[in-house]
Amino acid sequence: MHSLTKFGIPVAAAALVLSGCGTTGGSSGTAAGTKKCDQKIGMFGALTGPNASLGIYIQNGVKLAIEQYNAKNSSCKVTLANFDSQGDPTQAPGLAKTAIDNKKIVGIVGPAFSGESKAADPLFNEAGLVTITPAATNPALSTNGWKTFFRNIGNDATQGPAAAKYIKDTVKSTKTFVIDDASEYGKGLADIVRTTLGAQVVGNDEIQAKQTDFGPSVTKVKASKADTLFFGGYSPEAAPLVKQLRDAGWKGTFVSDDGVKSQDFITNGQAAAEGSILTCPCTPPDSAPAFATSYQKAYSVAPGTYSGEGFDSAQILLDGIAAGKDRASMIDFVKAYDKKGVTKQLKFDAKGEPTEIHVYAYKVESGKFVTVGEIK
């Protein structure tokens, strides 16, 4: 999952998605001479490193949207510029400056992670370069007054209570232990779960990114007699954590988040990952069958976490390019956008948050993520 193979996109598959998802064809309705033919869309997120799978899922969706656009606009193509952050906030400002200096880039899909978003988005806002994140869920990101910030998924102020509700009402937990990875995303989400569950939380702990030995945490979880563990963080830490819990004989339910909904969690967690519950404000692939079919044909795998959201985010920017928008005018175009995408109705409120939000529960069964259903 950490390498990316390039595939051609059949025109027939492109037409299938475009006709089934209500997206535009590109140049129709654009005044002659107003559309530039050398514009770029940036993709900002982890494409290498331990969190690469989530970034590649998004990138595949972005690439698919661009390939489909170019198939219908062969004389005026859009290209993709990648900014591989490795999910590291310390790299984000430098990458943001590089993107800003490339005047052909009219919009960014990303940043994909909350920590890197916090570091890079002030620079994008100052430069007037639109960003549409399909994955960064920390609620505070939309409270900074950034005019260029848009989020294409529900934030953790919706995912956190939904996860807590699932733990309480569906798992029927009465003793929940909560662990976070101290990241902008993981701690923020875990804190919401802690607050929502209240006295039901029988213990708390914090681990660090790249940690591999979770013996002290395992001891605390077992001593607490917890029947459920919620982990706020990412798959590189979640997989060894759940494996060490199972090896130590803990029988409770492991619940985590969209940052863990990566095939790496299943591959590295092995049998210990079975039965785990992951919450995610991401749309199940089968809810958009035409998109899922085209994605499968392009990459020989089913869409991953936030692939559809990546596609939709890119499509918004592509529609702006088709309408003759440049970097400066793209902000108002995205602000006023209101169209059906493959994941939902694509429309933003005054803070750049999506007006349509869904949170789903997924379960690991036989080495696959199976949709349990929407958490109402």
Protein backbone atom coordinates (compact mmCIF):
# COMPACT_ATOMS: atom_id res chain seq x y z
CA MET A 1 0.00 0.00 0.00
CA HIS A 2 3.02 2.31 0.21
CA SER A 3 3.80 2.31 -3.49
CA LEU A 4 1.66 3.68 -6.26
CA THR A 5 1.22 2.11 -9.68
CA LYS A 6 0.07 4.32 -12.53
CA PHE A 7 -2.78 3.06 -14.67
CA GLY A 8 -4.54 4.52 -17.67
CA ILE A 9 -8.21 5.45 -17.21
CA PRO A 10 -10.52 4.06 -19.93
CA VAL A 11 -12.69 6.73 -21.53
CA ALA A 12 -15.73 4.50 -21.15
CA ALA A 13 -15.14 4.27 -17.41
CA ALA A 14 -14.76 8.02 -17.26
CA ALA A 15 -18.05 8.53 -19.03
CA LEU A 16 -19.76 6.12 -16.66
CA VAL A 17 -18.74 8.09 -13.58
CA LEU A 18 -19.41 11.47 -15.15
CA SER A 19 -22.91 10.50 -16.22
CA GLY A 20 -23.72 8.82 -12.93
CA CYS A 21 -22.40 11.44 -10.52
CA GLY A 22 -23.63 14.74 -11.86
CA THR A 23 -20.15 16.16 -12.56
CA THR A 24 -19.48 18.59 -15.37
CA GLY A 25 -17.88 17.77 -18.67
CA GLY A 26 -15.31 20.56 -18.53
CA SER A 27 -15.33 23.22 -21.24
CA SER A 28 -19.06 23.63 -21.87
CA GLY A 29 -20.32 27.05 -20.83
CA THR A 30 -16.82 28.55 -20.69
CA ALA A 31 -16.27 31.66 -22.77
CA ALA A 32 -13.73 31.26 -25.54
CA GLY A 33 -10.26 32.31 -24.53
CA THR A 34 -10.95 32.48 -20.77
CA LYS A 35 -9.77 29.00 -19.81
CA LYS A 36 -6.04 28.52 -19.25
CA CYS A 37 -4.57 25.24 -20.44
CA ASP A 38 -1.54 24.89 -18.20
CA GLN A 39 -3.16 24.84 -14.76
CA LYS A 40 -2.37 22.40 -11.99
CA ILE A 41 -4.07 20.91 -8.93
CA GLY A 42 -1.90 20.11 -5.93
CA MET A 43 -2.22 17.00 -3.78
CA PHE A 44 -0.82 17.55 -0.26
CA GLY A 45 -0.45 14.57 2.07
CA ALA A 46 1.58 11.50 3.02
CA LEU A 47 2.59 9.57 -0.09
CA THR A 48 5.56 7.85 1.53
CA GLY A 49 6.31 6.89 5.12
CA PRO A 50 4.22 5.01 7.70
CA ASN A 51 0.94 6.82 6.90
CA ALA A 52 1.29 6.64 3.11
CA SER A 53 -1.71 4.39 2.55
CA LEU A 54 -4.22 7.06 3.56
CA GLY A 55 -2.52 9.61 1.33
CA ILE A 56 -2.42 7.24 -1.62
CA TYR A 57 -6.12 6.43 -1.22
CA ILE A 58 -6.83 10.16 -1.60
CA GLN A 59 -4.32 10.65 -4.40
CA ASN A 60 -5.89 7.85 -6.41
CA GLY A 61 -9.25 9.62 -6.22
CA VAL A 62 -7.67 12.91 -7.30
CA LYS A 63 -5.85 11.24 -10.19
CA LEU A 64 -9.04 9.56 -11.35
CA ALA A 65 -10.91 12.88 -11.44
CA ILE A 66 -8.10 14.54 -13.40
CA GLU A 67 -7.80 11.67 -15.86
CA GLN A 68 -11.53 11.81 -16.52
CA TYR A 69 -11.41 15.57 -17.00
CA ASN A 70 -8.48 15.31 -19.39
CA ALA A 71 -10.22 12.59 -21.41
CA LYS A 72 -12.91 15.16 -22.23
CA ASN A 73 -10.52 18.10 -22.54
CA SER A 74 -7.59 16.57 -24.42
CA SER A 75 -6.53 19.90 -25.94
CA CYS A 76 -6.52 21.70 -22.59
CA LYS A 77 -5.33 19.31 -19.89
CA VAL A 78 -4.86 19.76 -16.15
CA THR A 79 -1.86 18.20 -14.41
CA LEU A 80 -1.29 17.00 -10.83
CA ALA A 81 1.43 18.37 -8.57
CA ASN A 82 2.25 16.14 -5.59
CA PHE A 83 3.46 17.42 -2.23
CA ASP A 84 4.53 14.47 -0.11
CA SER A 85 4.40 15.57 3.52
CA GLN A 86 4.80 12.08 4.97
CA GLY A 87 2.12 13.30 7.41
CA ASP A 88 4.82 15.32 9.21
CA PRO A 89 3.74 18.81 10.38
CA THR A 90 7.36 19.99 10.41
CA GLN A 91 7.61 19.47 6.64
CA ALA A 92 4.30 21.19 5.90
CA PRO A 93 5.35 24.88 5.85
CA GLY A 94 8.18 24.28 3.37
CA LEU A 95 5.93 22.27 1.08
CA ALA A 96 3.23 24.91 1.32
CA LYS A 97 5.69 27.61 0.22
CA THR A 98 6.75 25.48 -2.75
CA ALA A 99 3.11 25.04 -3.78
CA ILE A 100 2.38 28.74 -3.37
CA ASP A 101 5.38 29.71 -5.52
CA ASN A 102 4.08 27.54 -8.39
CA LYS A 103 1.63 30.01 -9.93
CA LYS A 104 0.12 27.34 -12.17
CA ILE A 105 -1.43 25.67 -9.09
CA VAL A 106 -4.98 27.00 -8.64
CA GLY A 107 -6.05 24.77 -5.73
CA ILE A 108 -4.88 22.12 -3.28
CA VAL A 109 -6.56 18.84 -2.33
CA GLY A 110 -5.42 18.56 1.28
CA PRO A 111 -3.56 18.85 3.50
CA ALA A 112 -4.66 15.37 4.45
CA PHE A 113 -3.73 15.40 8.16
CA SER A 114 -4.79 17.79 10.90
CA GLY A 115 -1.30 18.53 12.22
CA GLU A 116 0.08 19.44 8.82
CA SER A 117 -3.07 21.44 8.08
CA LYS A 118 -2.52 23.54 11.19
CA ALA A 119 1.06 24.21 10.06
CA ALA A 120 0.43 24.87 6.36
CA ASP A 121 -3.02 26.45 6.11
CA PRO A 122 -2.04 29.89 7.48
CA LEU A 123 0.41 30.17 4.59
CA PHE A 124 -2.16 29.08 2.02
CA ASN A 125 -4.62 31.59 3.43
CA GLU A 126 -2.10 34.42 3.24
CA ALA A 127 -1.35 33.52 -0.39
CA GLY A 128 -5.00 33.13 -1.37
CA LEU A 129 -4.58 29.49 -2.48
CA VAL A 130 -7.70 27.37 -1.94
CA THR A 131 -7.38 24.11 0.00
CA ILE A 132 -10.07 21.42 0.17
CA THR A 133 -9.15 18.75 2.70
CA PRO A 134 -10.80 15.35 2.28
CA ALA A 135 -9.38 13.93 5.52
CA ALA A 136 -8.22 16.45 8.18
CA THR A 137 -10.89 16.29 10.89
CA ASN A 138 -9.75 18.43 13.84
CA PRO A 139 -12.67 20.83 14.51
CA ALA A 140 -10.44 23.81 15.32
CA LEU A 141 -9.18 24.05 11.74
CA SER A 142 -12.33 25.85 10.61
CA THR A 143 -12.29 28.37 13.47
CA ASN A 144 -9.26 30.40 12.37
CA GLY A 145 -11.01 32.65 9.88
CA TRP A 146 -9.05 31.21 6.94
CA LYS A 147 -10.85 32.26 3.75
CA THR A 148 -9.15 29.52 1.73
CA PHE A 149 -10.03 26.60 4.05
CA PHE A 150 -12.69 24.08 3.02
CA ARG A 151 -13.34 20.62 4.49
CA ASN A 152 -15.08 17.87 2.52
CA ILE A 153 -15.89 15.55 5.47
CA GLY A 154 -17.46 15.80 8.88
CA ASN A 155 -15.06 16.88 11.61
CA ASP A 156 -14.35 15.21 14.93
CA ALA A 157 -17.07 17.21 16.67
CA THR A 158 -19.40 14.83 14.82
CA GLN A 159 -17.19 11.73 14.67
CA GLY A 160 -16.29 11.81 18.38
CA PRO A 161 -19.87 11.78 19.71
CA ALA A 162 -20.80 9.20 17.06
CA ALA A 163 -17.97 6.91 18.21
CA ALA A 164 -19.03 7.36 21.84
CA LYS A 165 -22.64 6.61 20.94
CA TYR A 166 -21.60 3.42 19.14
CA ILE A 167 -19.47 2.33 22.08
CA LYS A 168 -22.30 2.89 24.52
CA ASP A 169 -25.36 1.83 22.53
CA THR A 170 -24.08 -0.85 20.16
CA VAL A 171 -21.00 -2.30 21.86
CA LYS A 172 -22.87 -1.93 25.19
CA SER A 173 -19.67 -0.95 26.95
CA THR A 174 -19.85 0.06 30.59
CA LYS A 175 -16.09 0.36 31.17
CA THR A 176 -14.16 2.11 28.42
CA PHE A 177 -10.43 2.82 28.36
CA VAL A 178 -9.20 5.64 26.08
CA ILE A 179 -5.72 6.01 24.55
CA ASP A 180 -4.51 8.72 22.18
CA ASP A 181 -1.30 9.25 20.20
CA ALA A 182 -0.72 12.86 21.36
CA SER A 183 -1.22 14.17 17.80
CA GLU A 184 -3.39 17.14 16.83
CA TYR A 185 -5.87 14.66 15.38
CA GLY A 186 -5.68 11.67 17.71
CA LYS A 187 -5.74 13.54 21.01
CA GLY A 188 -8.42 15.93 19.81
CA LEU A 189 -10.74 13.09 18.81
CA ALA A 190 -10.00 11.01 21.91
CA ASP A 191 -10.72 13.97 24.17
CA ILE A 192 -14.18 14.34 22.60
CA VAL A 193 -14.85 10.64 23.20
CA ARG A 194 -13.66 11.00 26.80
CA THR A 195 -15.93 13.97 27.43
CA THR A 196 -18.95 12.35 25.80
CA LEU A 197 -18.60 9.05 27.70
CA GLY A 198 -17.89 10.78 31.02
CA ALA A 199 -17.83 8.51 34.05
CA GLN A 200 -17.90 5.43 31.82
CA VAL A 201 -14.19 6.03 31.08
CA VAL A 202 -12.24 3.88 33.54
CA GLY A 203 -8.75 4.84 32.42
CA ASN A 204 -6.67 7.01 30.08
CA ASP A 205 -3.25 6.82 28.51
CA GLU A 206 -1.11 8.51 25.88
CA ILE A 207 1.36 6.96 23.47
CA GLN A 208 3.67 8.54 20.87
CA ALA A 209 3.95 8.33 17.11
CA LYS A 210 6.42 5.63 15.99
CA GLN A 211 6.18 3.87 19.37
CA THR A 212 6.33 0.08 19.06
CA ASP A 213 6.32 -1.24 22.64
CA PHE A 214 2.95 -0.77 24.32
CA GLY A 215 3.56 -2.96 27.37
CA PRO A 216 2.78 -0.23 29.94
CA SER A 217 -0.47 0.66 28.16
CA VAL A 218 -1.49 -2.99 27.93
CA THR A 219 -0.92 -3.38 31.66
CA LYS A 220 -3.10 -0.35 32.41
CA VAL A 221 -5.92 -1.53 30.15
CA LYS A 222 -6.00 -4.99 31.73
CA ALA A 223 -5.83 -3.61 35.27
CA SER A 224 -8.79 -1.29 34.57
CA LYS A 225 -11.06 -4.26 33.69
CA ALA A 226 -12.16 -2.30 30.61
CA ASP A 227 -14.50 -4.10 28.24
CA THR A 228 -13.74 -1.65 25.41
CA LEU A 229 -10.76 0.41 24.29
CA PHE A 230 -11.02 3.51 22.12
CA PHE A 231 -7.80 4.55 20.39
CA GLY A 232 -7.43 8.00 18.80
CA GLY A 233 -4.60 7.91 16.28
CA TYR A 234 -3.27 6.21 13.17
CA SER A 235 -2.75 2.66 11.90
CA PRO A 236 1.06 2.39 12.37
CA GLU A 237 0.56 2.48 16.14
CA ALA A 238 -2.90 0.88 16.26
CA ALA A 239 -1.78 -2.40 14.68
CA PRO A 240 0.95 -3.31 17.20
CA LEU A 241 -1.19 -1.95 20.03
CA VAL A 242 -4.12 -4.26 19.32
CA LYS A 243 -1.76 -7.17 18.66
CA GLN A 244 -0.01 -6.74 22.01
CA LEU A 245 -3.37 -6.41 23.76
CA ARG A 246 -4.58 -9.70 22.27
CA ASP A 247 -1.28 -11.44 22.98
CA ALA A 248 -1.68 -10.41 26.63
CA GLY A 249 -5.14 -11.99 26.73
CA TRP A 250 -7.35 -8.89 26.64
CA LYS A 251 -10.75 -9.90 25.23
CA GLY A 252 -12.49 -6.53 24.95
CA THR A 253 -13.69 -4.63 21.87
CA PHE A 254 -11.12 -2.46 20.07
CA VAL A 255 -12.66 0.71 18.63
CA SER A 256 -10.77 3.35 16.68
CA ASP A 257 -11.14 5.99 13.98
CA ASP A 258 -10.69 6.95 10.35
CA GLY A 259 -6.92 7.33 10.85
CA VAL A 260 -6.79 3.58 11.47
CA LYS A 261 -9.10 2.62 8.59
CA SER A 262 -6.23 1.56 6.38
CA GLN A 263 -5.41 -1.86 4.98
CA ASP A 264 -2.09 -1.57 6.83
CA PHE A 265 -3.97 -1.96 10.10
CA ILE A 266 -5.36 -5.31 8.97
CA THR A 267 -2.10 -6.47 7.38
CA ASN A 268 0.11 -5.55 10.33
CA GLY A 269 -2.42 -6.33 13.06
CA GLN A 270 -3.09 -9.77 11.53
CA ALA A 271 -5.59 -11.90 13.45
CA ALA A 272 -5.63 -9.39 16.31
CA ALA A 273 -7.34 -6.84 14.04
CA GLU A 274 -10.36 -9.09 13.49
CA GLY A 275 -13.53 -7.74 15.06
CA SER A 276 -12.16 -4.20 15.45
CA ILE A 277 -14.59 -1.34 14.91
CA LEU A 278 -13.53 1.80 13.03
CA THR A 279 -15.63 4.96 12.82
CA CYS A 280 -15.23 7.22 9.80
CA PRO A 281 -17.00 10.19 8.22
CA CYS A 282 -16.22 8.55 4.86
CA THR A 283 -18.79 7.22 2.44
CA PRO A 284 -18.85 3.44 1.79
CA PRO A 285 -17.70 2.59 -1.77
CA ASP A 286 -20.93 0.76 -2.61
CA SER A 287 -22.93 3.97 -2.15
CA ALA A 288 -21.45 5.25 -5.43
CA PRO A 289 -21.26 2.15 -7.65
CA ALA A 290 -20.26 3.96 -10.86
CA PHE A 291 -17.32 5.61 -9.10
CA ALA A 292 -16.35 2.33 -7.43
CA THR A 293 -16.39 0.54 -10.80
CA SER A 294 -14.16 3.14 -12.47
CA TYR A 295 -11.78 3.18 -9.51
CA GLN A 296 -11.53 -0.62 -9.56
CA LYS A 297 -10.76 -0.58 -13.28
CA ALA A 298 -8.12 2.10 -12.84
CA TYR A 299 -6.27 0.67 -9.82
CA SER A 300 -7.35 -2.99 -9.62
CA VAL A 301 -8.52 -2.45 -6.03
CA ALA A 302 -11.66 -1.10 -4.42
CA PRO A 303 -11.70 2.55 -3.30
CA GLY A 304 -9.97 3.13 0.02
CA THR A 305 -10.64 5.51 2.89
CA TYR A 306 -11.33 9.00 1.50
CA SER A 307 -10.78 8.00 -2.15
CA GLY A 308 -14.27 9.27 -2.95
CA GLU A 309 -13.74 12.43 -0.94
CA GLY A 310 -10.45 13.00 -2.77
CA PHE A 311 -12.24 12.58 -6.10
CA ASP A 312 -14.95 15.03 -5.08
CA SER A 313 -12.46 17.61 -3.81
CA ALA A 314 -10.56 17.48 -7.09
CA GLN A 315 -13.78 17.66 -9.09
CA ILE A 316 -14.75 20.92 -7.41
CA LEU A 317 -11.43 22.46 -8.46
CA LEU A 318 -11.74 20.97 -11.96
CA ASP A 319 -15.19 22.49 -12.34
CA GLY A 320 -13.65 25.82 -11.37
CA ILE A 321 -10.93 25.42 -14.00
CA ALA A 322 -13.58 24.51 -16.58
CA ALA A 323 -15.40 27.73 -15.66
CA GLY A 324 -12.24 29.75 -16.32
CA LYS A 325 -11.31 30.39 -12.69
CA ASP A 326 -7.77 31.22 -11.65
CA ARG A 327 -6.20 31.12 -8.19
CA ALA A 328 -7.77 34.40 -7.07
CA SER A 329 -11.29 33.68 -8.31
CA MET A 330 -11.30 30.03 -7.20
CA ILE A 331 -12.05 31.03 -3.58
CA ASP A 332 -15.46 32.49 -4.35
CA PHE A 333 -16.19 29.64 -6.79
CA VAL A 334 -15.64 27.00 -4.10
CA LYS A 335 -17.51 29.05 -1.51
CA ALA A 336 -20.61 29.08 -3.75
CA TYR A 337 -20.27 25.47 -4.96
CA ASP A 338 -23.42 23.35 -4.66
CA LYS A 339 -23.48 20.14 -6.67
CA LYS A 340 -23.97 16.41 -6.17
CA GLY A 341 -20.71 14.49 -5.86
CA VAL A 342 -19.92 10.80 -5.48
CA THR A 343 -19.98 11.00 -1.67
CA LYS A 344 -22.68 13.62 -0.94
CA GLN A 345 -24.04 17.03 -1.90
CA LEU A 346 -20.93 19.19 -2.13
CA LYS A 347 -21.68 22.47 -0.40
CA PHE A 348 -19.90 24.44 2.34
CA ASP A 349 -21.05 26.68 5.16
CA ALA A 350 -19.53 30.04 6.10
CA LYS A 351 -16.62 28.33 7.93
CA GLY A 352 -15.82 25.99 5.04
CA GLU A 353 -17.43 22.96 6.70
CA PRO A 354 -19.60 20.59 4.64
CA THR A 355 -23.34 21.06 4.98
CA GLU A 356 -23.98 17.31 4.60
CA ILE A 357 -22.29 15.01 7.13
CA HIS A 358 -22.41 11.25 7.71
CA VAL A 359 -20.44 9.04 10.10
CA TYR A 360 -20.25 5.29 9.50
CA ALA A 361 -19.09 2.29 11.50
CA TYR A 362 -16.91 -0.34 9.83
CA LYS A 363 -15.86 -3.74 11.17
CA VAL A 364 -12.85 -5.88 10.31
CA GLU A 365 -14.22 -9.23 9.14
CA SER A 366 -12.14 -11.90 7.36
CA GLY A 367 -9.39 -9.40 6.64
CA LYS A 368 -11.66 -6.75 5.12
CA PHE A 369 -13.49 -3.61 6.20
CA VAL A 370 -17.20 -4.33 6.19
CA THR A 371 -19.72 -1.50 6.47
CA VAL A 372 -21.80 -1.88 9.61
CA GLY A 373 -23.93 1.17 8.87
CA GLU A 374 -24.36 4.85 9.49
CA ILE A 375 -24.26 6.00 13.10
CA LYS A 376 -27.29 8.25 13.40
